[in-house]
C-alpha atoms as a PDB file:
ATOM      1  CA  MET A   1      31.828  44.112  18.932  1.00  0.00           C
ATOM      2  CA  GLY A   2      29.388  41.750  17.421  1.00  0.00           C
ATOM      3  CA  ARG A   3      26.986  39.176  18.715  1.00  0.00           C
ATOM      4  CA  ARG A   4      27.754  35.529  18.899  1.00  0.00           C
ATOM      5  CA  LYS A   5      26.233  33.500  16.126  1.00  0.00           C
ATOM      6  CA  SER A   6      23.355  31.367  17.282  1.00  0.00           C
ATOM      7  CA  LYS A   7      23.380  27.719  16.304  1.00  0.00           C
ATOM      8  CA  ARG A   8      20.878  26.790  13.662  1.00  0.00           C
ATOM      9  CA  ARG A   9      18.629  23.922  14.574  1.00  0.00           C
ATOM     10  CA  ILE A  10      18.215  21.464  11.771  1.00  0.00           C
ATOM     11  CA  ARG A  11      14.728  20.070  11.537  1.00  0.00           C
ATOM     12  CA  VAL A  12      14.574  16.405  10.743  1.00  0.00           C
ATOM     13  CA  ARG A  13      11.420  15.525   8.866  1.00  0.00           C
ATOM     14  CA  PRO A  14      10.183  11.964   9.134  1.00  0.00           C
ATOM     15  CA  ARG A  15      10.385  10.030   5.882  1.00  0.00           C
ATOM     16  CA  ARG A  16       7.082   9.338   4.205  1.00  0.00           C
ATOM     17  CA  THR A  17       6.379   5.664   3.749  1.00  0.00           C
ATOM     18  CA  LEU A  18       3.938   3.785   1.587  1.00  0.00           C
ATOM     19  CA  PRO A  19       0.823   2.465   3.343  1.00  0.00           C
ATOM     20  CA  LYS A  20       0.561  -1.155   4.420  1.00  0.00           C
ATOM     21  CA  VAL A  21      -3.246  -1.361   4.820  1.00  0.00           C
ATOM     22  CA  PHE A  22      -5.682  -0.069   2.209  1.00  0.00           C
ATOM     23  CA  GLN A  23      -9.381   0.774   1.824  1.00  0.00           C
ATOM     24  CA  CYS A  24     -11.733  -1.845   0.407  1.00  0.00           C
ATOM     25  CA  PRO A  25     -13.602  -0.773  -2.755  1.00  0.00           C
ATOM     26  CA  ARG A  26     -16.666  -2.861  -1.843  1.00  0.00           C
ATOM     27  CA  CYS A  27     -17.288  -2.253   1.879  1.00  0.00           C
ATOM     28  CA  GLY A  28     -15.175   0.907   2.444  1.00  0.00           C
ATOM     29  CA  SER A  29     -13.347  -0.330   5.536  1.00  0.00           C
ATOM     30  CA  VAL A  30      -9.608   0.113   5.840  1.00  0.00           C
ATOM     31  CA  SER A  31      -8.814  -3.579   6.093  1.00  0.00           C
ATOM     32  CA  VAL A  32      -7.293  -4.710   2.783  1.00  0.00           C
ATOM     33  CA  GLY A  33      -3.948  -6.388   3.269  1.00  0.00           C
ATOM     34  CA  VAL A  34      -1.372  -7.577   0.751  1.00  0.00           C
ATOM     35  CA  SER A  35       0.522 -10.784   1.493  1.00  0.00           C
ATOM     36  CA  ILE A  36       3.442 -11.710  -0.754  1.00  0.00           C
ATOM     37  CA  ASP A  37       4.650 -15.306  -0.998  1.00  0.00           C
ATOM     38  CA  ARG A  38       7.915 -15.169  -2.931  1.00  0.00           C
ATOM     39  CA  SER A  39       8.529 -18.927  -2.845  1.00  0.00           C
ATOM     40  CA  SER A  40       5.327 -19.803  -4.726  1.00  0.00           C
ATOM     41  CA  GLY A  41       5.242 -16.568  -6.766  1.00  0.00           C
ATOM     42  CA  VAL A  42       1.740 -15.554  -5.660  1.00  0.00           C
ATOM     43  CA  VAL A  43       0.485 -12.295  -4.135  1.00  0.00           C
ATOM     44  CA  HIS A  44      -2.805 -12.482  -2.221  1.00  0.00           C
ATOM     45  CA  VAL A  45      -4.814  -9.277  -1.745  1.00  0.00           C
ATOM     46  CA  ALA A  46      -7.837  -9.617   0.540  1.00  0.00           C
ATOM     47  CA  CYS A  47     -10.253  -7.598   2.648  1.00  0.00           C
ATOM     48  CA  SER A  48     -10.588  -9.025   6.130  1.00  0.00           C
ATOM     49  CA  THR A  49     -14.058  -7.510   6.624  1.00  0.00           C
ATOM     50  CA  CYS A  50     -16.085  -8.513   3.550  1.00  0.00           C
ATOM     51  CA  GLY A  51     -13.863 -11.277   2.150  1.00  0.00           C
ATOM     52  CA  LEU A  52     -13.211  -9.729  -1.269  1.00  0.00           C
ATOM     53  CA  ALA A  53      -9.952 -11.279  -2.512  1.00  0.00           C
ATOM     54  CA  ALA A  54      -7.746 -11.661  -5.571  1.00  0.00           C
ATOM     55  CA  ASP A  55      -4.475 -13.405  -6.419  1.00  0.00           C
ATOM     56  CA  PHE A  56      -1.763 -12.005  -8.677  1.00  0.00           C
ATOM     57  CA  GLU A  57       1.522 -13.255 -10.065  1.00  0.00           C
ATOM     58  CA  TYR A  58       4.543 -12.029  -8.090  1.00  0.00           C
ATOM     59  CA  ARG A  59       6.814  -9.515  -9.820  1.00  0.00           C
ATOM     60  CA  GLU A  60      10.032  -8.491  -8.083  1.00  0.00           C
ATOM     61  CA  TYR A  61       9.825  -4.836  -9.107  1.00  0.00           C
ATOM     62  CA  LEU A  62       6.264  -4.199  -7.818  1.00  0.00           C
ATOM     63  CA  GLN A  63       5.410  -2.894  -4.344  1.00  0.00           C
ATOM     64  CA  PRO A  64       2.277  -3.772  -2.292  1.00  0.00           C
ATOM     65  CA  VAL A  65       0.640  -0.498  -3.354  1.00  0.00           C
ATOM     66  CA  ASP A  66       1.001  -1.607  -6.997  1.00  0.00           C
ATOM     67  CA  TYR A  67      -0.795  -4.882  -6.257  1.00  0.00           C
ATOM     68  CA  TYR A  68      -3.543  -2.901  -4.523  1.00  0.00           C
ATOM     69  CA  ALA A  69      -3.922  -0.785  -7.674  1.00  0.00           C
ATOM     70  CA  ARG A  70      -4.253  -3.978  -9.737  1.00  0.00           C
ATOM     71  CA  PHE A  71      -6.827  -5.211  -7.199  1.00  0.00           C
ATOM     72  CA  LEU A  72      -8.854  -2.013  -7.677  1.00  0.00           C
ATOM     73  CA  ASP A  73      -8.626  -2.307 -11.468  1.00  0.00           C
ATOM     74  CA  ALA A  74      -9.799  -5.923 -11.347  1.00  0.00           C
ATOM     75  CA  TYR A  75     -12.708  -4.989  -9.067  1.00  0.00           C
ATOM     76  CA  GLU A  76     -13.764  -2.041 -11.247  1.00  0.00           C
ATOM     77  CA  GLY A  77     -13.542  -4.220 -14.379  1.00  0.00           C
ATOM     78  CA  ALA A  78     -15.725  -6.923 -12.825  1.00  0.00           C
ATOM     79  CA  ALA A  79     -18.220  -4.419 -11.411  1.00  0.00           C
ATOM     80  CA  GLY A  80     -18.548  -2.578 -14.737  1.00  0.00           C
ATOM     81  CA  ALA A  81     -19.170  -5.710 -16.797  1.00  0.00           C
END
């Protein structure tokens, strides 16, 4: 005489997603957005608080977080020079 097996509950973890809004390197607010215009081939990265902005050439294999990284590199290069 044994016990009945209890059903195991499977925990579903939510999938982690990449962020859509980023922190500005100049003013520190979380208000940097990435807008991709595939028709013209331009990606515009801009802070809505302080107005810091940059444009990059669109690449199909890059994600918005990659353009944000390029934005940070461009800002650090300009600030260091």
